[in-house]
């Protein structure tokens, strides 16, 4: 049979309480760090990947249009010189 020593039982309860407190502190620190990071990075002007890709596609389309217009202008200038 195992005898129960009240001093050991109290020590085990103390250790369990300390472990729970430390785990809670760890969770709280993690949450605080996450909130602080959101606060810091939230003030910066980041764009989403979808917005970046949309603007990139618009820029590529505008470049193609500019090149087509340059070619058209060159053709019109050549035709005007030939007249």
N, C-alpha and C. Protein backbone atom coordinates (compact mmCIF):
# COMPACT_ATOMS: atom_id res chain seq x y z
N UNK A 1 0.82 -1.18 0.00
CA UNK A 1 0.00 0.00 0.00
C UNK A 1 0.88 1.25 0.00
N UNK A 2 0.33 2.23 -0.56
CA UNK A 2 1.07 3.48 -0.65
C UNK A 2 0.52 4.46 0.38
N UNK A 3 1.42 4.96 1.18
CA UNK A 3 0.97 5.92 2.19
C UNK A 3 0.99 7.31 1.58
N UNK A 4 0.05 8.14 1.99
CA UNK A 4 -0.06 9.48 1.43
C UNK A 4 0.56 10.48 2.41
N UNK A 5 1.59 11.12 1.94
CA UNK A 5 2.27 12.12 2.75
C UNK A 5 1.68 13.48 2.39
N UNK A 6 1.08 14.19 3.33
CA UNK A 6 0.45 15.48 3.02
C UNK A 6 1.43 16.51 2.49
N UNK A 7 2.67 16.43 2.92
CA UNK A 7 3.67 17.38 2.45
C UNK A 7 3.95 17.16 0.96
N UNK A 8 4.05 15.90 0.54
CA UNK A 8 4.29 15.58 -0.87
C UNK A 8 3.06 15.95 -1.70
N UNK A 9 1.88 15.69 -1.20
CA UNK A 9 0.65 16.02 -1.91
C UNK A 9 0.56 17.53 -2.13
N UNK A 10 0.89 18.30 -1.11
CA UNK A 10 0.87 19.76 -1.24
C UNK A 10 1.91 20.24 -2.25
N UNK A 11 3.07 19.61 -2.25
CA UNK A 11 4.14 19.97 -3.19
C UNK A 11 3.71 19.67 -4.63
N UNK A 12 3.07 18.53 -4.83
CA UNK A 12 2.58 18.17 -6.17
C UNK A 12 1.51 19.16 -6.63
N UNK A 13 0.60 19.56 -5.72
CA UNK A 13 -0.42 20.56 -6.07
C UNK A 13 0.24 21.88 -6.45
N UNK A 14 1.25 22.25 -5.69
CA UNK A 14 1.98 23.48 -5.98
C UNK A 14 2.63 23.43 -7.36
N UNK A 15 3.26 22.30 -7.68
CA UNK A 15 3.90 22.14 -8.99
C UNK A 15 2.86 22.19 -10.11
N UNK A 16 1.71 21.55 -9.91
CA UNK A 16 0.64 21.59 -10.93
C UNK A 16 0.14 23.01 -11.14
N UNK A 17 -0.04 23.73 -10.05
CA UNK A 17 -0.49 25.12 -10.16
C UNK A 17 0.54 25.97 -10.89
N UNK A 18 1.81 25.78 -10.56
CA UNK A 18 2.88 26.54 -11.20
C UNK A 18 2.94 26.22 -12.69
N UNK A 19 2.78 24.94 -13.04
CA UNK A 19 2.81 24.56 -14.46
C UNK A 19 1.66 25.21 -15.21
N UNK A 20 0.48 25.22 -14.60
CA UNK A 20 -0.68 25.87 -15.24
C UNK A 20 -0.46 27.35 -15.40
N UNK A 21 0.11 27.98 -14.40
CA UNK A 21 0.37 29.41 -14.46
C UNK A 21 1.39 29.73 -15.55
N UNK A 22 2.44 28.94 -15.62
CA UNK A 22 3.48 29.16 -16.64
C UNK A 22 2.91 28.96 -18.03
N UNK A 23 2.07 27.93 -18.21
CA UNK A 23 1.45 27.70 -19.52
C UNK A 23 0.56 28.88 -19.90
N UNK A 24 -0.20 29.38 -18.92
CA UNK A 24 -1.06 30.54 -19.18
C UNK A 24 -0.26 31.78 -19.54
N UNK A 25 0.84 31.96 -18.85
CA UNK A 25 1.70 33.11 -19.15
C UNK A 25 2.28 32.99 -20.56
N UNK A 26 2.63 31.78 -20.94
CA UNK A 26 3.15 31.56 -22.30
C UNK A 26 2.11 31.89 -23.35
N UNK A 27 0.87 31.44 -23.13
CA UNK A 27 -0.20 31.75 -24.08
C UNK A 27 -0.45 33.25 -24.14
N UNK A 28 -0.46 33.89 -22.98
CA UNK A 28 -0.70 35.33 -22.94
C UNK A 28 0.42 36.09 -23.64
N UNK A 29 1.65 35.68 -23.44
CA UNK A 29 2.78 36.33 -24.11
C UNK A 29 2.69 36.15 -25.62
N UNK A 30 2.29 34.97 -26.05
CA UNK A 30 2.15 34.70 -27.47
C UNK A 30 1.05 35.58 -28.08
N UNK A 31 -0.07 35.68 -27.39
CA UNK A 31 -1.16 36.52 -27.88
C UNK A 31 -0.76 37.99 -27.91
N UNK A 32 -0.05 38.43 -26.88
CA UNK A 32 0.41 39.83 -26.85
C UNK A 32 1.39 40.11 -27.99
N UNK A 33 2.28 39.17 -28.26
CA UNK A 33 3.24 39.33 -29.36
C UNK A 33 2.51 39.39 -30.70
N UNK A 34 1.51 38.54 -30.85
CA UNK A 34 0.73 38.52 -32.10
C UNK A 34 0.00 39.85 -32.29
N UNK A 35 -0.61 40.35 -31.24
CA UNK A 35 -1.31 41.63 -31.31
C UNK A 35 -0.35 42.77 -31.62
N UNK A 36 0.82 42.75 -30.99
CA UNK A 36 1.82 43.79 -31.24
C UNK A 36 2.29 43.76 -32.69
N UNK A 37 2.49 42.54 -33.23
CA UNK A 37 2.91 42.41 -34.63
C UNK A 37 1.82 42.94 -35.56
N UNK A 38 0.55 42.64 -35.25
CA UNK A 38 -0.54 43.16 -36.08
C UNK A 38 -0.56 44.68 -36.04
N UNK A 39 -0.32 45.23 -34.85
CA UNK A 39 -0.30 46.67 -34.67
C UNK A 39 0.82 47.31 -35.49
N UNK A 40 2.00 46.71 -35.43
CA UNK A 40 3.17 47.25 -36.13
C UNK A 40 2.99 47.12 -37.64
N UNK A 41 2.65 45.93 -38.10
CA UNK A 41 2.55 45.70 -39.53
C UNK A 41 1.25 46.23 -40.12
N UNK A 42 0.24 46.43 -39.28
CA UNK A 42 -1.02 46.96 -39.76
C UNK A 42 -0.90 48.40 -40.24
N UNK A 43 0.05 49.14 -39.70
CA UNK A 43 0.24 50.52 -40.11
C UNK A 43 0.99 50.66 -41.42
N UNK A 44 1.62 49.60 -41.86
CA UNK A 44 2.36 49.65 -43.12
C UNK A 44 1.42 49.43 -44.29
N UNK A 45 1.79 49.94 -45.43
CA UNK A 45 0.94 49.84 -46.61
C UNK A 45 1.30 48.60 -47.43
N UNK A 46 0.83 47.46 -46.98
CA UNK A 46 1.02 46.23 -47.73
C UNK A 46 -0.18 46.01 -48.63
N UNK A 47 0.06 45.38 -49.76
CA UNK A 47 -1.05 45.02 -50.65
C UNK A 47 -1.15 43.50 -50.68
N UNK A 48 -2.34 43.03 -50.99
CA UNK A 48 -2.52 41.59 -51.07
C UNK A 48 -1.93 41.08 -52.38
N UNK A 49 -1.71 39.81 -52.45
CA UNK A 49 -1.15 39.20 -53.66
C UNK A 49 -2.08 39.41 -54.85
N UNK A 50 -3.38 39.34 -54.60
CA UNK A 50 -4.36 39.52 -55.68
C UNK A 50 -4.29 40.94 -56.24
N UNK A 51 -4.17 41.93 -55.34
CA UNK A 51 -4.07 43.31 -55.79
C UNK A 51 -2.78 43.53 -56.58
N UNK A 52 -1.68 42.94 -56.12
CA UNK A 52 -0.40 43.07 -56.81
C UNK A 52 -0.49 42.47 -58.21
N UNK A 53 -1.07 41.27 -58.30
CA UNK A 53 -1.18 40.61 -59.60
C UNK A 53 -2.08 41.40 -60.55
N UNK A 54 -3.15 42.00 -60.02
CA UNK A 54 -4.06 42.79 -60.86
C UNK A 54 -3.34 44.01 -61.41
N UNK A 55 -2.58 44.70 -60.58
CA UNK A 55 -1.85 45.89 -61.04
C UNK A 55 -0.75 45.50 -62.01
N UNK A 56 -0.10 44.38 -61.75
CA UNK A 56 0.95 43.89 -62.65
C UNK A 56 0.36 43.60 -64.04
N UNK A 57 -0.82 42.99 -64.05
CA UNK A 57 -1.49 42.68 -65.32
C UNK A 57 -1.89 43.97 -66.04
N UNK A 58 -2.37 44.95 -65.30
CA UNK A 58 -2.73 46.24 -65.89
C UNK A 58 -1.50 46.92 -66.50
N UNK A 59 -0.38 46.87 -65.80
CA UNK A 59 0.85 47.49 -66.30
C UNK A 59 1.31 46.80 -67.59
N UNK A 60 1.24 45.49 -67.61
CA UNK A 60 1.65 44.75 -68.82
C UNK A 60 0.74 45.11 -69.99
N UNK A 61 -0.56 45.22 -69.72
CA UNK A 61 -1.51 45.59 -70.77
C UNK A 61 -1.23 47.01 -71.27
N UNK A 62 -0.93 47.93 -70.35
CA UNK A 62 -0.64 49.31 -70.74
C UNK A 62 0.64 49.37 -71.57
N UNK A 63 1.65 48.57 -71.20
CA UNK A 63 2.90 48.54 -71.99
C UNK A 63 2.64 48.06 -73.41
N UNK A 64 1.82 47.02 -73.54
CA UNK A 64 1.50 46.49 -74.87
C UNK A 64 0.77 47.54 -75.70
N UNK A 65 -0.16 48.26 -75.07
CA UNK A 65 -0.90 49.29 -75.77
C UNK A 65 0.02 50.43 -76.20
N UNK A 66 0.95 50.82 -75.33
CA UNK A 66 1.91 51.89 -75.67
C UNK A 66 2.77 51.46 -76.85
N UNK A 67 3.24 50.23 -76.84
CA UNK A 67 4.05 49.74 -77.96
C UNK A 67 3.25 49.74 -79.26
N UNK A 68 1.99 49.33 -79.19
CA UNK A 68 1.15 49.32 -80.39
C UNK A 68 0.93 50.75 -80.89
N UNK A 69 0.71 51.68 -79.97
CA UNK A 69 0.52 53.08 -80.39
C UNK A 69 1.79 53.67 -80.96
N UNK A 70 2.96 53.32 -80.40
CA UNK A 70 4.23 53.79 -80.96
C UNK A 70 4.40 53.29 -82.39
N UNK A 71 4.07 52.03 -82.60
CA UNK A 71 4.19 51.47 -83.96
C UNK A 71 3.23 52.17 -84.91
N UNK A 72 2.04 52.46 -84.44
CA UNK A 72 1.04 53.13 -85.28
C UNK A 72 1.50 54.55 -85.62
N UNK A 73 2.04 55.27 -84.64
CA UNK A 73 2.55 56.62 -84.87
C UNK A 73 3.69 56.60 -85.87
N UNK A 74 4.59 55.62 -85.70
CA UNK A 74 5.71 55.50 -86.64
C UNK A 74 5.23 55.25 -88.05
N UNK A 75 4.21 54.40 -88.17
CA UNK A 75 3.65 54.10 -89.50
C UNK A 75 3.00 55.35 -90.09
N UNK A 76 2.26 56.10 -89.28
CA UNK A 76 1.61 57.33 -89.77
C UNK A 76 2.65 58.37 -90.17
N UNK A 77 3.74 58.50 -89.38
CA UNK A 77 4.79 59.46 -89.72
C UNK A 77 5.49 59.06 -91.01
N UNK A 78 5.69 57.76 -91.18
CA UNK A 78 6.33 57.28 -92.43
C UNK A 78 5.43 57.56 -93.62
N UNK A 79 4.13 57.35 -93.44
CA UNK A 79 3.19 57.62 -94.52
C UNK A 79 3.12 59.11 -94.83
N UNK A 80 3.21 59.95 -93.81
CA UNK A 80 3.15 61.40 -94.01
C UNK A 80 4.40 61.88 -94.75
N UNK A 81 5.57 61.29 -94.48
CA UNK A 81 6.80 61.66 -95.15
C UNK A 81 6.79 61.22 -96.61
N UNK A 82 6.11 60.10 -96.88
CA UNK A 82 6.06 59.57 -98.24
C UNK A 82 5.16 60.42 -99.13
N UNK A 83 4.27 61.16 -98.56
CA UNK A 83 3.34 61.95 -99.37
C UNK A 83 3.96 63.16 -99.91
